[in-house]
PDB file of N, CA and C in Angstrom:
ATOM      1  N   UNK A   1      54.397  82.007 118.430  1.00  0.00           N
ATOM      2  CA  UNK A   1      55.180  82.810 117.486  1.00  0.00           C
ATOM      3  C   UNK A   1      54.665  84.251 117.511  1.00  0.00           C
ATOM      4  N   UNK A   2      55.541  85.192 117.740  1.00  0.00           N
ATOM      5  CA  UNK A   2      55.095  86.582 117.863  1.00  0.00           C
ATOM      6  C   UNK A   2      55.159  87.280 116.506  1.00  0.00           C
ATOM      7  N   UNK A   3      54.401  88.365 116.404  1.00  0.00           N
ATOM      8  CA  UNK A   3      54.459  89.176 115.192  1.00  0.00           C
ATOM      9  C   UNK A   3      55.810  89.866 115.129  1.00  0.00           C
ATOM     10  N   UNK A   4      56.293  90.140 113.909  1.00  0.00           N
ATOM     11  CA  UNK A   4      57.519  90.931 113.857  1.00  0.00           C
ATOM     12  C   UNK A   4      57.256  92.297 114.498  1.00  0.00           C
ATOM     13  N   UNK A   5      58.263  92.838 115.140  1.00  0.00           N
ATOM     14  CA  UNK A   5      58.091  94.107 115.847  1.00  0.00           C
ATOM     15  C   UNK A   5      57.697  95.209 114.874  1.00  0.00           C
ATOM     16  N   UNK A   6      56.775  96.047 115.325  1.00  0.00           N
ATOM     17  CA  UNK A   6      56.442  97.229 114.543  1.00  0.00           C
ATOM     18  C   UNK A   6      57.592  98.219 114.628  1.00  0.00           C
ATOM     19  N   UNK A   7      57.752  99.003 113.565  1.00  0.00           N
ATOM     20  CA  UNK A   7      58.824  99.997 113.513  1.00  0.00           C
ATOM     21  C   UNK A   7      58.240 101.391 113.699  1.00  0.00           C
ATOM     22  N   UNK A   8      58.811 102.129 114.654  1.00  0.00           N
ATOM     23  CA  UNK A   8      58.333 103.468 114.973  1.00  0.00           C
ATOM     24  C   UNK A   8      59.440 104.471 114.680  1.00  0.00           C
ATOM     25  N   UNK A   9      59.097 105.507 113.925  1.00  0.00           N
ATOM     26  CA  UNK A   9      60.032 106.597 113.659  1.00  0.00           C
ATOM     27  C   UNK A   9      59.750 107.702 114.670  1.00  0.00           C
ATOM     28  N   UNK A  10      60.732 107.978 115.529  1.00  0.00           N
ATOM     29  CA  UNK A  10      60.591 108.998 116.572  1.00  0.00           C
ATOM     30  C   UNK A  10      61.349 110.250 116.137  1.00  0.00           C
ATOM     31  N   UNK A  11      60.614 111.372 116.021  1.00  0.00           N
ATOM     32  CA  UNK A  11      61.219 112.636 115.609  1.00  0.00           C
ATOM     33  C   UNK A  11      61.111 113.607 116.784  1.00  0.00           C
ATOM     34  N   UNK A  12      62.250 113.943 117.347  1.00  0.00           N
ATOM     35  CA  UNK A  12      62.287 114.792 118.551  1.00  0.00           C
ATOM     36  C   UNK A  12      63.634 115.491 118.579  1.00  0.00           C
ATOM     37  N   UNK A  13      63.617 116.829 118.650  1.00  0.00           N
ATOM     38  CA  UNK A  13      64.892 117.559 118.605  1.00  0.00           C
ATOM     39  C   UNK A  13      65.604 117.607 119.955  1.00  0.00           C
ATOM     40  N   UNK A  14      64.887 117.335 121.040  1.00  0.00           N
ATOM     41  CA  UNK A  14      65.531 117.307 122.361  1.00  0.00           C
ATOM     42  C   UNK A  14      66.152 115.925 122.566  1.00  0.00           C
ATOM     43  N   UNK A  15      67.483 115.871 122.612  1.00  0.00           N
ATOM     44  CA  UNK A  15      68.179 114.575 122.669  1.00  0.00           C
ATOM     45  C   UNK A  15      67.773 113.728 123.865  1.00  0.00           C
ATOM     46  N   UNK A  16      67.583 114.379 125.021  1.00  0.00           N
ATOM     47  CA  UNK A  16      67.259 113.628 126.236  1.00  0.00           C
ATOM     48  C   UNK A  16      65.855 113.041 126.128  1.00  0.00           C
ATOM     49  N   UNK A  17      64.908 113.847 125.677  1.00  0.00           N
ATOM     50  CA  UNK A  17      63.536 113.361 125.511  1.00  0.00           C
ATOM     51  C   UNK A  17      63.507 112.222 124.492  1.00  0.00           C
ATOM     52  N   UNK A  18      64.228 112.420 123.378  1.00  0.00           N
ATOM     53  CA  UNK A  18      64.245 111.392 122.331  1.00  0.00           C
ATOM     54  C   UNK A  18      64.818 110.082 122.866  1.00  0.00           C
ATOM     55  N   UNK A  19      65.909 110.191 123.634  1.00  0.00           N
ATOM     56  CA  UNK A  19      66.533 109.000 124.193  1.00  0.00           C
ATOM     57  C   UNK A  19      65.572 108.256 125.123  1.00  0.00           C
ATOM     58  N   UNK A  20      64.838 108.994 125.942  1.00  0.00           N
ATOM     59  CA  UNK A  20      63.886 108.369 126.863  1.00  0.00           C
ATOM     60  C   UNK A  20      62.760 107.673 126.112  1.00  0.00           C
ATOM     61  N   UNK A  21      62.219 108.351 125.109  1.00  0.00           N
ATOM     62  CA  UNK A  21      61.132 107.761 124.316  1.00  0.00           C
ATOM     63  C   UNK A  21      61.614 106.493 123.612  1.00  0.00           C
ATOM     64  N   UNK A  22      62.800 106.583 123.016  1.00  0.00           N
ATOM     65  CA  UNK A  22      63.363 105.426 122.312  1.00  0.00           C
ATOM     66  C   UNK A  22      63.564 104.257 123.286  1.00  0.00           C
ATOM     67  N   UNK A  23      64.109 104.557 124.470  1.00  0.00           N
ATOM     68  CA  UNK A  23      64.316 103.500 125.477  1.00  0.00           C
ATOM     69  C   UNK A  23      63.012 102.806 125.837  1.00  0.00           C
ATOM     70  N   UNK A  24      61.977 103.606 126.074  1.00  0.00           N
ATOM     71  CA  UNK A  24      60.674 103.036 126.445  1.00  0.00           C
ATOM     72  C   UNK A  24      60.141 102.150 125.322  1.00  0.00           C
ATOM     73  N   UNK A  25      60.190 102.654 124.098  1.00  0.00           N
ATOM     74  CA  UNK A  25      59.649 101.894 122.964  1.00  0.00           C
ATOM     75  C   UNK A  25      60.447 100.616 122.716  1.00  0.00           C
ATOM     76  N   UNK A  26      61.769 100.702 122.880  1.00  0.00           N
ATOM     77  CA  UNK A  26      62.584  99.493 122.684  1.00  0.00           C
ATOM     78  C   UNK A  26      62.304  98.463 123.775  1.00  0.00           C
ATOM     79  N   UNK A  27      62.048  98.936 125.003  1.00  0.00           N
ATOM     80  CA  UNK A  27      61.673  98.005 126.072  1.00  0.00           C
ATOM     81  C   UNK A  27      60.359  97.306 125.760  1.00  0.00           C
ATOM     82  N   UNK A  28      59.497  97.995 125.021  1.00  0.00           N
ATOM     83  CA  UNK A  28      58.224  97.402 124.608  1.00  0.00           C
ATOM     84  C   UNK A  28      58.396  96.522 123.365  1.00  0.00           C
ATOM     85  N   UNK A  29      59.642  96.360 122.951  1.00  0.00           N
ATOM     86  CA  UNK A  29      60.030  95.501 121.840  1.00  0.00           C
ATOM     87  C   UNK A  29      59.611  96.029 120.476  1.00  0.00           C
ATOM     88  N   UNK A  30      59.515  97.347 120.378  1.00  0.00           N
ATOM     89  CA  UNK A  30      59.347  97.959 119.064  1.00  0.00           C
ATOM     90  C   UNK A  30      60.732  98.225 118.483  1.00  0.00           C
ATOM     91  N   UNK A  31      60.806  98.220 117.148  1.00  0.00           N
ATOM     92  CA  UNK A  31      62.012  98.659 116.461  1.00  0.00           C
ATOM     93  C   UNK A  31      61.889 100.175 116.324  1.00  0.00           C
ATOM     94  N   UNK A  32      62.936 100.901 116.669  1.00  0.00           N
ATOM     95  CA  UNK A  32      62.834 102.361 116.678  1.00  0.00           C
ATOM     96  C   UNK A  32      63.876 102.997 115.766  1.00  0.00           C
ATOM     97  N   UNK A  33      63.414 103.932 114.948  1.00  0.00           N
ATOM     98  CA  UNK A  33      64.290 104.788 114.146  1.00  0.00           C
ATOM     99  C   UNK A  33      64.255 106.161 114.799  1.00  0.00           C
ATOM    100  N   UNK A  34      65.392 106.844 114.827  1.00  0.00           N
ATOM    101  CA  UNK A  34      65.456 108.150 115.472  1.00  0.00           C
ATOM    102  C   UNK A  34      65.790 109.242 114.477  1.00  0.00           C
ATOM    103  N   UNK A  35      65.130 110.380 114.636  1.00  0.00           N
ATOM    104  CA  UNK A  35      65.471 111.556 113.840  1.00  0.00           C
ATOM    105  C   UNK A  35      65.416 112.783 114.748  1.00  0.00           C
ATOM    106  N   UNK A  36      66.405 113.674 114.589  1.00  0.00           N
ATOM    107  CA  UNK A  36      66.467 114.876 115.407  1.00  0.00           C
ATOM    108  C   UNK A  36      65.711 116.041 114.777  1.00  0.00           C
ATOM    109  N   UNK A  37      65.358 115.897 113.500  1.00  0.00           N
ATOM    110  CA  UNK A  37      64.622 116.970 112.825  1.00  0.00           C
ATOM    111  C   UNK A  37      63.841 116.392 111.640  1.00  0.00           C
ATOM    112  N   UNK A  38      63.060 117.258 111.017  1.00  0.00           N
ATOM    113  CA  UNK A  38      62.185 116.817 109.924  1.00  0.00           C
ATOM    114  C   UNK A  38      62.990 116.316 108.728  1.00  0.00           C
ATOM    115  N   UNK A  39      64.105 116.965 108.440  1.00  0.00           N
ATOM    116  CA  UNK A  39      64.924 116.558 107.290  1.00  0.00           C
ATOM    117  C   UNK A  39      65.375 115.106 107.441  1.00  0.00           C
ATOM    118  N   UNK A  40      65.854 114.778 108.638  1.00  0.00           N
ATOM    119  CA  UNK A  40      66.304 113.414 108.898  1.00  0.00           C
ATOM    120  C   UNK A  40      65.123 112.435 108.809  1.00  0.00           C
ATOM    121  N   UNK A  41      63.984 112.850 109.343  1.00  0.00           N
ATOM    122  CA  UNK A  41      62.788 111.995 109.306  1.00  0.00           C
ATOM    123  C   UNK A  41      62.354 111.729 107.871  1.00  0.00           C
ATOM    124  N   UNK A  42      62.380 112.764 107.040  1.00  0.00           N
ATOM    125  CA  UNK A  42      61.967 112.594 105.644  1.00  0.00           C
ATOM    126  C   UNK A  42      62.903 111.654 104.899  1.00  0.00           C
ATOM    127  N   UNK A  43      64.167 111.628 105.307  1.00  0.00           N
ATOM    128  CA  UNK A  43      65.100 110.669 104.715  1.00  0.00           C
ATOM    129  C   UNK A  43      64.620 109.241 104.900  1.00  0.00           C
ATOM    130  N   UNK A  44      64.151 108.933 106.115  1.00  0.00           N
ATOM    131  CA  UNK A  44      63.591 107.596 106.372  1.00  0.00           C
ATOM    132  C   UNK A  44      62.294 107.389 105.586  1.00  0.00           C
ATOM    133  N   UNK A  45      61.433 108.399 105.603  1.00  0.00           N
ATOM    134  CA  UNK A  45      60.114 108.265 104.971  1.00  0.00           C
ATOM    135  C   UNK A  45      60.215 108.102 103.460  1.00  0.00           C
ATOM    136  N   UNK A  46      61.246 108.689 102.862  1.00  0.00           N
ATOM    137  CA  UNK A  46      61.404 108.613 101.405  1.00  0.00           C
ATOM    138  C   UNK A  46      62.059 107.309 100.954  1.00  0.00           C
ATOM    139  N   UNK A  47      62.571 106.553 101.911  1.00  0.00           N
ATOM    140  CA  UNK A  47      63.231 105.284 101.587  1.00  0.00           C
ATOM    141  C   UNK A  47      62.164 104.184 101.533  1.00  0.00           C
ATOM    142  N   UNK A  48      61.792 103.781 100.325  1.00  0.00           N
ATOM    143  CA  UNK A  48      60.697 102.825 100.154  1.00  0.00           C
ATOM    144  C   UNK A  48      60.985 101.461 100.767  1.00  0.00           C
ATOM    145  N   UNK A  49      62.254 101.138 100.956  1.00  0.00           N
ATOM    146  CA  UNK A  49      62.572  99.819 101.507  1.00  0.00           C
ATOM    147  C   UNK A  49      62.528  99.820 103.043  1.00  0.00           C
ATOM    148  N   UNK A  50      62.336 101.017 103.633  1.00  0.00           N
ATOM    149  CA  UNK A  50      62.295 101.134 105.096  1.00  0.00           C
ATOM    150  C   UNK A  50      60.852 100.997 105.591  1.00  0.00           C
ATOM    151  N   UNK A  51      60.606  99.968 106.401  1.00  0.00           N
ATOM    152  CA  UNK A  51      59.286  99.811 107.007  1.00  0.00           C
ATOM    153  C   UNK A  51      59.115 100.837 108.125  1.00  0.00           C
ATOM    154  N   UNK A  52      57.980 101.530 108.115  1.00  0.00           N
ATOM    155  CA  UNK A  52      57.627 102.417 109.230  1.00  0.00           C
ATOM    156  C   UNK A  52      56.140 102.206 109.516  1.00  0.00           C
ATOM    157  N   UNK A  53      55.835 101.812 110.758  1.00  0.00           N
ATOM    158  CA  UNK A  53      54.446 101.517 111.120  1.00  0.00           C
ATOM    159  C   UNK A  53      53.783 102.669 111.867  1.00  0.00           C
ATOM    160  N   UNK A  54      54.610 103.586 112.392  1.00  0.00           N
ATOM    161  CA  UNK A  54      54.080 104.726 113.137  1.00  0.00           C
ATOM    162  C   UNK A  54      55.116 105.842 113.114  1.00  0.00           C
ATOM    163  N   UNK A  55      54.639 107.066 112.862  1.00  0.00           N
ATOM    164  CA  UNK A  55      55.484 108.247 112.989  1.00  0.00           C
ATOM    165  C   UNK A  55      55.082 108.953 114.274  1.00  0.00           C
ATOM    166  N   UNK A  56      56.032 109.090 115.198  1.00  0.00           N
ATOM    167  CA  UNK A  56      55.789 109.844 116.419  1.00  0.00           C
ATOM    168  C   UNK A  56      56.661 111.086 116.350  1.00  0.00           C
ATOM    169  N   UNK A  57      56.037 112.253 116.288  1.00  0.00           N
ATOM    170  CA  UNK A  57      56.813 113.473 116.113  1.00  0.00           C
ATOM    171  C   UNK A  57      56.446 114.540 117.126  1.00  0.00           C
ATOM    172  N   UNK A  58      57.470 115.287 117.517  1.00  0.00           N
ATOM    173  CA  UNK A  58      57.263 116.478 118.320  1.00  0.00           C
ATOM    174  C   UNK A  58      56.560 117.496 117.437  1.00  0.00           C
ATOM    175  N   UNK A  59      55.750 118.350 118.028  1.00  0.00           N
ATOM    176  CA  UNK A  59      55.088 119.395 117.251  1.00  0.00           C
ATOM    177  C   UNK A  59      56.097 120.464 116.838  1.00  0.00           C
ATOM    178  N   UNK A  60      56.962 120.853 117.774  1.00  0.00           N
ATOM    179  CA  UNK A  60      57.929 121.907 117.479  1.00  0.00           C
ATOM    180  C   UNK A  60      59.270 121.316 117.105  1.00  0.00           C
ATOM    181  N   UNK A  61      59.637 121.413 115.835  1.00  0.00           N
ATOM    182  CA  UNK A  61      60.940 120.932 115.366  1.00  0.00           C
ATOM    183  C   UNK A  61      61.734 122.135 114.867  1.00  0.00           C
ATOM    184  N   UNK A  62      63.071 122.032 114.873  1.00  0.00           N
ATOM    185  CA  UNK A  62      63.870 123.203 114.503  1.00  0.00           C
ATOM    186  C   UNK A  62      63.706 123.629 113.045  1.00  0.00           C
ATOM    187  N   UNK A  63      63.429 122.676 112.166  1.00  0.00           N
ATOM    188  CA  UNK A  63      63.426 123.021 110.741  1.00  0.00           C
ATOM    189  C   UNK A  63      62.049 123.009 110.089  1.00  0.00           C
ATOM    190  N   UNK A  64      61.043 122.502 110.789  1.00  0.00           N
ATOM    191  CA  UNK A  64      59.705 122.407 110.184  1.00  0.00           C
ATOM    192  C   UNK A  64      58.698 122.098 111.283  1.00  0.00           C
ATOM    193  N   UNK A  65      57.511 122.651 111.174  1.00  0.00           N
ATOM    194  CA  UNK A  65      56.458 122.324 112.131  1.00  0.00           C
ATOM    195  C   UNK A  65      56.095 120.841 112.017  1.00  0.00           C
ATOM    196  N   UNK A  66      55.832 120.210 113.152  1.00  0.00           N
ATOM    197  CA  UNK A  66      55.493 118.785 113.148  1.00  0.00           C
ATOM    198  C   UNK A  66      54.291 118.453 112.278  1.00  0.00           C
ATOM    199  N   UNK A  67      53.336 119.384 112.207  1.00  0.00           N
ATOM    200  CA  UNK A  67      52.153 119.125 111.373  1.00  0.00           C
ATOM    201  C   UNK A  67      52.527 119.157 109.889  1.00  0.00           C
ATOM    202  N   UNK A  68      53.431 120.071 109.534  1.00  0.00           N
ATOM    203  CA  UNK A  68      53.945 120.088 108.150  1.00  0.00           C
ATOM    204  C   UNK A  68      54.628 118.765 107.823  1.00  0.00           C
ATOM    205  N   UNK A  69      55.454 118.297 108.759  1.00  0.00           N
ATOM    206  CA  UNK A  69      56.136 117.020 108.566  1.00  0.00           C
ATOM    207  C   UNK A  69      55.107 115.902 108.382  1.00  0.00           C
ATOM    208  N   UNK A  70      54.082 115.908 109.208  1.00  0.00           N
ATOM    209  CA  UNK A  70      53.045 114.876 109.118  1.00  0.00           C
ATOM    210  C   UNK A  70      52.361 114.898 107.753  1.00  0.00           C
ATOM    211  N   UNK A  71      52.091 116.097 107.236  1.00  0.00           N
ATOM    212  CA  UNK A  71      51.444 116.201 105.920  1.00  0.00           C
ATOM    213  C   UNK A  71      52.353 115.648 104.823  1.00  0.00           C
ATOM    214  N   UNK A  72      53.647 115.971 104.910  1.00  0.00           N
ATOM    215  CA  UNK A  72      54.599 115.435 103.938  1.00  0.00           C
ATOM    216  C   UNK A  72      54.699 113.909 104.063  1.00  0.00           C
ATOM    217  N   UNK A  73      54.685 113.435 105.307  1.00  0.00           N
ATOM    218  CA  UNK A  73      54.750 111.989 105.547  1.00  0.00           C
ATOM    219  C   UNK A  73      53.550 111.294 104.916  1.00  0.00           C
ATOM    220  N   UNK A  74      52.370 111.911 105.034  1.00  0.00           N
ATOM    221  CA  UNK A  74      51.157 111.323 104.466  1.00  0.00           C
ATOM    222  C   UNK A  74      51.171 111.334 102.937  1.00  0.00           C
ATOM    223  N   UNK A  75      51.843 112.332 102.352  1.00  0.00           N
ATOM    224  CA  UNK A  75      51.978 112.330 100.888  1.00  0.00           C
ATOM    225  C   UNK A  75      52.815 111.132 100.451  1.00  0.00           C
ATOM    226  N   UNK A  76      53.851 110.822 101.234  1.00  0.00           N
ATOM    227  CA  UNK A  76      54.739 109.710 100.900  1.00  0.00           C
ATOM    228  C   UNK A  76      54.137 108.368 101.283  1.00  0.00           C
ATOM    229  N   UNK A  77      53.426 108.346 102.414  1.00  0.00           N
ATOM    230  CA  UNK A  77      52.865 107.101 102.960  1.00  0.00           C
ATOM    231  C   UNK A  77      51.451 107.397 103.454  1.00  0.00           C
ATOM    232  N   UNK A  78      50.476 107.313 102.552  1.00  0.00           N
ATOM    233  CA  UNK A  78      49.117 107.783 102.863  1.00  0.00           C
ATOM    234  C   UNK A  78      48.446 107.096 104.054  1.00  0.00           C
ATOM    235  N   UNK A  79      48.845 105.893 104.387  1.00  0.00           N
ATOM    236  CA  UNK A  79      48.148 105.178 105.470  1.00  0.00           C
ATOM    237  C   UNK A  79      48.921 105.212 106.793  1.00  0.00           C
ATOM    238  N   UNK A  80      50.029 105.941 106.841  1.00  0.00           N
ATOM    239  CA  UNK A  80      50.882 105.933 108.029  1.00  0.00           C
ATOM    240  C   UNK A  80      50.190 106.574 109.232  1.00  0.00           C
ATOM    241  N   UNK A  81      50.066 105.847 110.360  1.00  0.00           N
ATOM    242  CA  UNK A  81      49.531 106.476 111.572  1.00  0.00           C
ATOM    243  C   UNK A  81      50.541 107.488 112.116  1.00  0.00           C
ATOM    244  N   UNK A  82      50.023 108.592 112.645  1.00  0.00           N
ATOM    245  CA  UNK A  82      50.893 109.647 113.151  1.00  0.00           C
ATOM    246  C   UNK A  82      50.469 110.040 114.559  1.00  0.00           C
ATOM    247  N   UNK A  83      51.468 110.149 115.438  1.00  0.00           N
ATOM    248  CA  UNK A  83      51.243 110.542 116.824  1.00  0.00           C
ATOM    249  C   UNK A  83      52.078 111.787 117.109  1.00  0.00           C
ATOM    250  N   UNK A  84      51.394 112.876 117.505  1.00  0.00           N
ATOM    251  CA  UNK A  84      52.098 114.088 117.886  1.00  0.00           C
ATOM    252  C   UNK A  84      52.337 114.078 119.387  1.00  0.00           C
ATOM    253  N   UNK A  85      53.533 114.480 119.794  1.00  0.00           N
ATOM    254  CA  UNK A  85      53.824 114.700 121.205  1.00  0.00           C
ATOM    255  C   UNK A  85      54.002 116.195 121.379  1.00  0.00           C
ATOM    256  N   UNK A  86      53.250 116.777 122.312  1.00  0.00           N
ATOM    257  CA  UNK A  86      53.331 118.220 122.467  1.00  0.00           C
ATOM    258  C   UNK A  86      53.009 118.646 123.884  1.00  0.00           C
ATOM    259  N   UNK A  87      53.722 119.645 124.356  1.00  0.00           N
ATOM    260  CA  UNK A  87      53.403 120.248 125.636  1.00  0.00           C
ATOM    261  C   UNK A  87      52.161 121.114 125.553  1.00  0.00           C
ATOM    262  N   UNK A  88      51.673 121.324 124.336  1.00  0.00           N
ATOM    263  CA  UNK A  88      50.483 122.157 124.130  1.00  0.00           C
ATOM    264  C   UNK A  88      49.424 121.360 123.387  1.00  0.00           C
ATOM    265  N   UNK A  89      49.224 120.128 123.839  1.00  0.00           N
ATOM    266  CA  UNK A  89      48.365 119.193 123.099  1.00  0.00           C
ATOM    267  C   UNK A  89      46.973 119.758 122.848  1.00  0.00           C
ATOM    268  N   UNK A  90      46.441 120.492 123.841  1.00  0.00           N
ATOM    269  CA  UNK A  90      45.071 120.985 123.678  1.00  0.00           C
ATOM    270  C   UNK A  90      44.982 122.066 122.609  1.00  0.00           C
ATOM    271  N   UNK A  91      46.128 122.620 122.212  1.00  0.00           N
ATOM    272  CA  UNK A  91      46.110 123.676 121.205  1.00  0.00           C
ATOM    273  C   UNK A  91      46.374 123.177 119.792  1.00  0.00           C
ATOM    274  N   UNK A  92      46.598 121.880 119.652  1.00  0.00           N
ATOM    275  CA  UNK A  92      46.901 121.361 118.321  1.00  0.00           C
ATOM    276  C   UNK A  92      45.613 120.950 117.631  1.00  0.00           C
ATOM    277  N   UNK A  93      45.483 121.389 116.412  1.00  0.00           N
ATOM    278  CA  UNK A  93      44.381 120.947 115.579  1.00  0.00           C
ATOM    279  C   UNK A  93      44.941 119.843 114.688  1.00  0.00           C
ATOM    280  N   UNK A  94      44.897 118.613 115.187  1.00  0.00           N
ATOM    281  CA  UNK A  94      45.519 117.516 114.448  1.00  0.00           C
ATOM    282  C   UNK A  94      44.673 117.145 113.242  1.00  0.00           C
ATOM    283  N   UNK A  95      45.323 116.975 112.092  1.00  0.00           N
ATOM    284  CA  UNK A  95      44.585 116.511 110.906  1.00  0.00           C
ATOM    285  C   UNK A  95      43.939 115.147 111.152  1.00  0.00           C
ATOM    286  N   UNK A  96      42.973 114.831 110.344  1.00  0.00           N
ATOM    287  CA  UNK A  96      42.226 113.575 110.496  1.00  0.00           C
ATOM    288  C   UNK A  96      43.152 112.379 110.540  1.00  0.00           C
ATOM    289  N   UNK A  97      42.830 111.438 111.408  1.00  0.00           N
ATOM    290  CA  UNK A  97      43.590 110.205 111.473  1.00  0.00           C
ATOM    291  C   UNK A  97      44.908 110.341 112.203  1.00  0.00           C
ATOM    292  N   UNK A  98      45.118 111.473 112.860  1.00  0.00           N
ATOM    293  CA  UNK A  98      46.353 111.665 113.609  1.00  0.00           C
ATOM    294  C   UNK A  98      46.025 111.813 115.095  1.00  0.00           C
ATOM    295  N   UNK A  99      46.875 111.270 115.934  1.00  0.00           N
ATOM    296  CA  UNK A  99      46.647 111.248 117.368  1.00  0.00           C
ATOM    297  C   UNK A  99      47.599 112.215 118.058  1.00  0.00           C
ATOM    298  N   UNK A 100      47.247 112.563 119.314  1.00  0.00           N
ATOM    299  CA  UNK A 100      48.087 113.479 120.088  1.00  0.00           C
ATOM    300  C   UNK A 100      48.318 112.896 121.470  1.00  0.00           C
ATOM    301  N   UNK A 101      49.532 113.041 121.972  1.00  0.00           N
ATOM    302  CA  UNK A 101      49.821 112.721 123.364  1.00  0.00           C
ATOM    303  C   UNK A 101      50.448 113.970 123.978  1.00  0.00           C
ATOM    304  N   UNK A 102      49.946 114.380 125.139  1.00  0.00           N
ATOM    305  CA  UNK A 102      50.429 115.600 125.778  1.00  0.00           C
ATOM    306  C   UNK A 102      51.714 115.351 126.542  1.00  0.00           C
ATOM    307  N   UNK A 103      52.633 116.309 126.448  1.00  0.00           N
ATOM    308  CA  UNK A 103      53.868 116.237 127.248  1.00  0.00           C
ATOM    309  C   UNK A 103      53.649 117.038 128.519  1.00  0.00           C
ATOM    310  N   UNK A 104      54.183 116.640 129.637  1.00  0.00           N
ATOM    311  CA  UNK A 104      54.928 115.388 129.792  1.00  0.00           C
ATOM    312  C   UNK A 104      53.972 114.200 129.865  1.00  0.00           C
ATOM    313  N   UNK A 105      54.379 113.073 129.325  1.00  0.00           N
ATOM    314  CA  UNK A 105      53.552 111.866 129.409  1.00  0.00           C
ATOM    315  C   UNK A 105      54.306 110.817 130.199  1.00  0.00           C
ATOM    316  N   UNK A 106      53.548 109.917 130.823  1.00  0.00           N
ATOM    317  CA  UNK A 106      54.185 108.831 131.567  1.00  0.00           C
ATOM    318  C   UNK A 106      54.518 107.691 130.611  1.00  0.00           C
ATOM    319  N   UNK A 107      55.388 106.816 131.077  1.00  0.00           N
ATOM    320  CA  UNK A 107      55.728 105.626 130.292  1.00  0.00           C
ATOM    321  C   UNK A 107      54.464 104.829 129.982  1.00  0.00           C
ATOM    322  N   UNK A 108      53.578 104.698 130.976  1.00  0.00           N
ATOM    323  CA  UNK A 108      52.331 103.947 130.765  1.00  0.00           C
ATOM    324  C   UNK A 108      51.453 104.611 129.712  1.00  0.00           C
ATOM    325  N   UNK A 109      51.359 105.944 129.763  1.00  0.00           N
ATOM    326  CA  UNK A 109      50.542 106.649 128.763  1.00  0.00           C
ATOM    327  C   UNK A 109      51.096 106.439 127.363  1.00  0.00           C
ATOM    328  N   UNK A 110      52.413 106.526 127.254  1.00  0.00           N
ATOM    329  CA  UNK A 110      53.054 106.335 125.951  1.00  0.00           C
ATOM    330  C   UNK A 110      52.797 104.915 125.447  1.00  0.00           C
ATOM    331  N   UNK A 111      53.019 103.948 126.314  1.00  0.00           N
ATOM    332  CA  UNK A 111      52.814 102.547 125.925  1.00  0.00           C
ATOM    333  C   UNK A 111      51.371 102.309 125.482  1.00  0.00           C
ATOM    334  N   UNK A 112      50.419 102.779 126.277  1.00  0.00           N
ATOM    335  CA  UNK A 112      49.004 102.548 125.955  1.00  0.00           C
ATOM    336  C   UNK A 112      48.616 103.212 124.638  1.00  0.00           C
ATOM    337  N   UNK A 113      49.116 104.429 124.422  1.00  0.00           N
ATOM    338  CA  UNK A 113      48.780 105.172 123.207  1.00  0.00           C
ATOM    339  C   UNK A 113      49.342 104.454 121.975  1.00  0.00           C
ATOM    340  N   UNK A 114      50.622 104.092 122.049  1.00  0.00           N
ATOM    341  CA  UNK A 114      51.277 103.423 120.915  1.00  0.00           C
ATOM    342  C   UNK A 114      50.626 102.072 120.647  1.00  0.00           C
ATOM    343  N   UNK A 115      50.382 101.306 121.704  1.00  0.00           N
ATOM    344  CA  UNK A 115      49.750  99.997 121.533  1.00  0.00           C
ATOM    345  C   UNK A 115      48.357 100.124 120.931  1.00  0.00           C
ATOM    346  N   UNK A 116      47.609 101.152 121.345  1.00  0.00           N
ATOM    347  CA  UNK A 116      46.249 101.304 120.809  1.00  0.00           C
ATOM    348  C   UNK A 116      46.289 101.693 119.333  1.00  0.00           C
ATOM    349  N   UNK A 117      47.260 102.549 118.958  1.00  0.00           N
ATOM    350  CA  UNK A 117      47.368 102.951 117.547  1.00  0.00           C
ATOM    351  C   UNK A 117      47.779 101.756 116.687  1.00  0.00           C
ATOM    352  N   UNK A 118      48.719 100.964 117.189  1.00  0.00           N
ATOM    353  CA  UNK A 118      49.242  99.855 116.391  1.00  0.00           C
ATOM    354  C   UNK A 118      48.418  98.572 116.555  1.00  0.00           C
ATOM    355  N   UNK A 119      47.396  98.648 117.403  1.00  0.00           N
ATOM    356  CA  UNK A 119      46.473  97.517 117.527  1.00  0.00           C
ATOM    357  C   UNK A 119      47.037  96.326 118.273  1.00  0.00           C
ATOM    358  N   UNK A 120      47.916  96.591 119.266  1.00  0.00           N
ATOM    359  CA  UNK A 120      48.477  95.495 120.064  1.00  0.00           C
ATOM    360  C   UNK A 120      47.743  95.378 121.384  1.00  0.00           C
TER     361      UNK A 120
END
């Protein structure tokens, strides 16, 4: 008997990148929620009945910096793991308890990072 799939909220304003990430995560049998910007992501985060096990967000979003979004997410869900995806990973000062994956990343890198965060 397998564990119920973890739910990952993917926040990425580039539709093609978001689609690829979602495809990879769904192939790994995660449940995926998609948001194109911080406003949409906060809609999911503010819904108490919505399970979210990981927030994966782009650093650069059209309406809010990814780190700002992460801070708001932590106010709503203090224990939520957060993974930043960024083409400038070495320049991000990620807050405590938050992980970073550099873009471009391979499918294997994404899988390993997500699995390690979620403990699979």
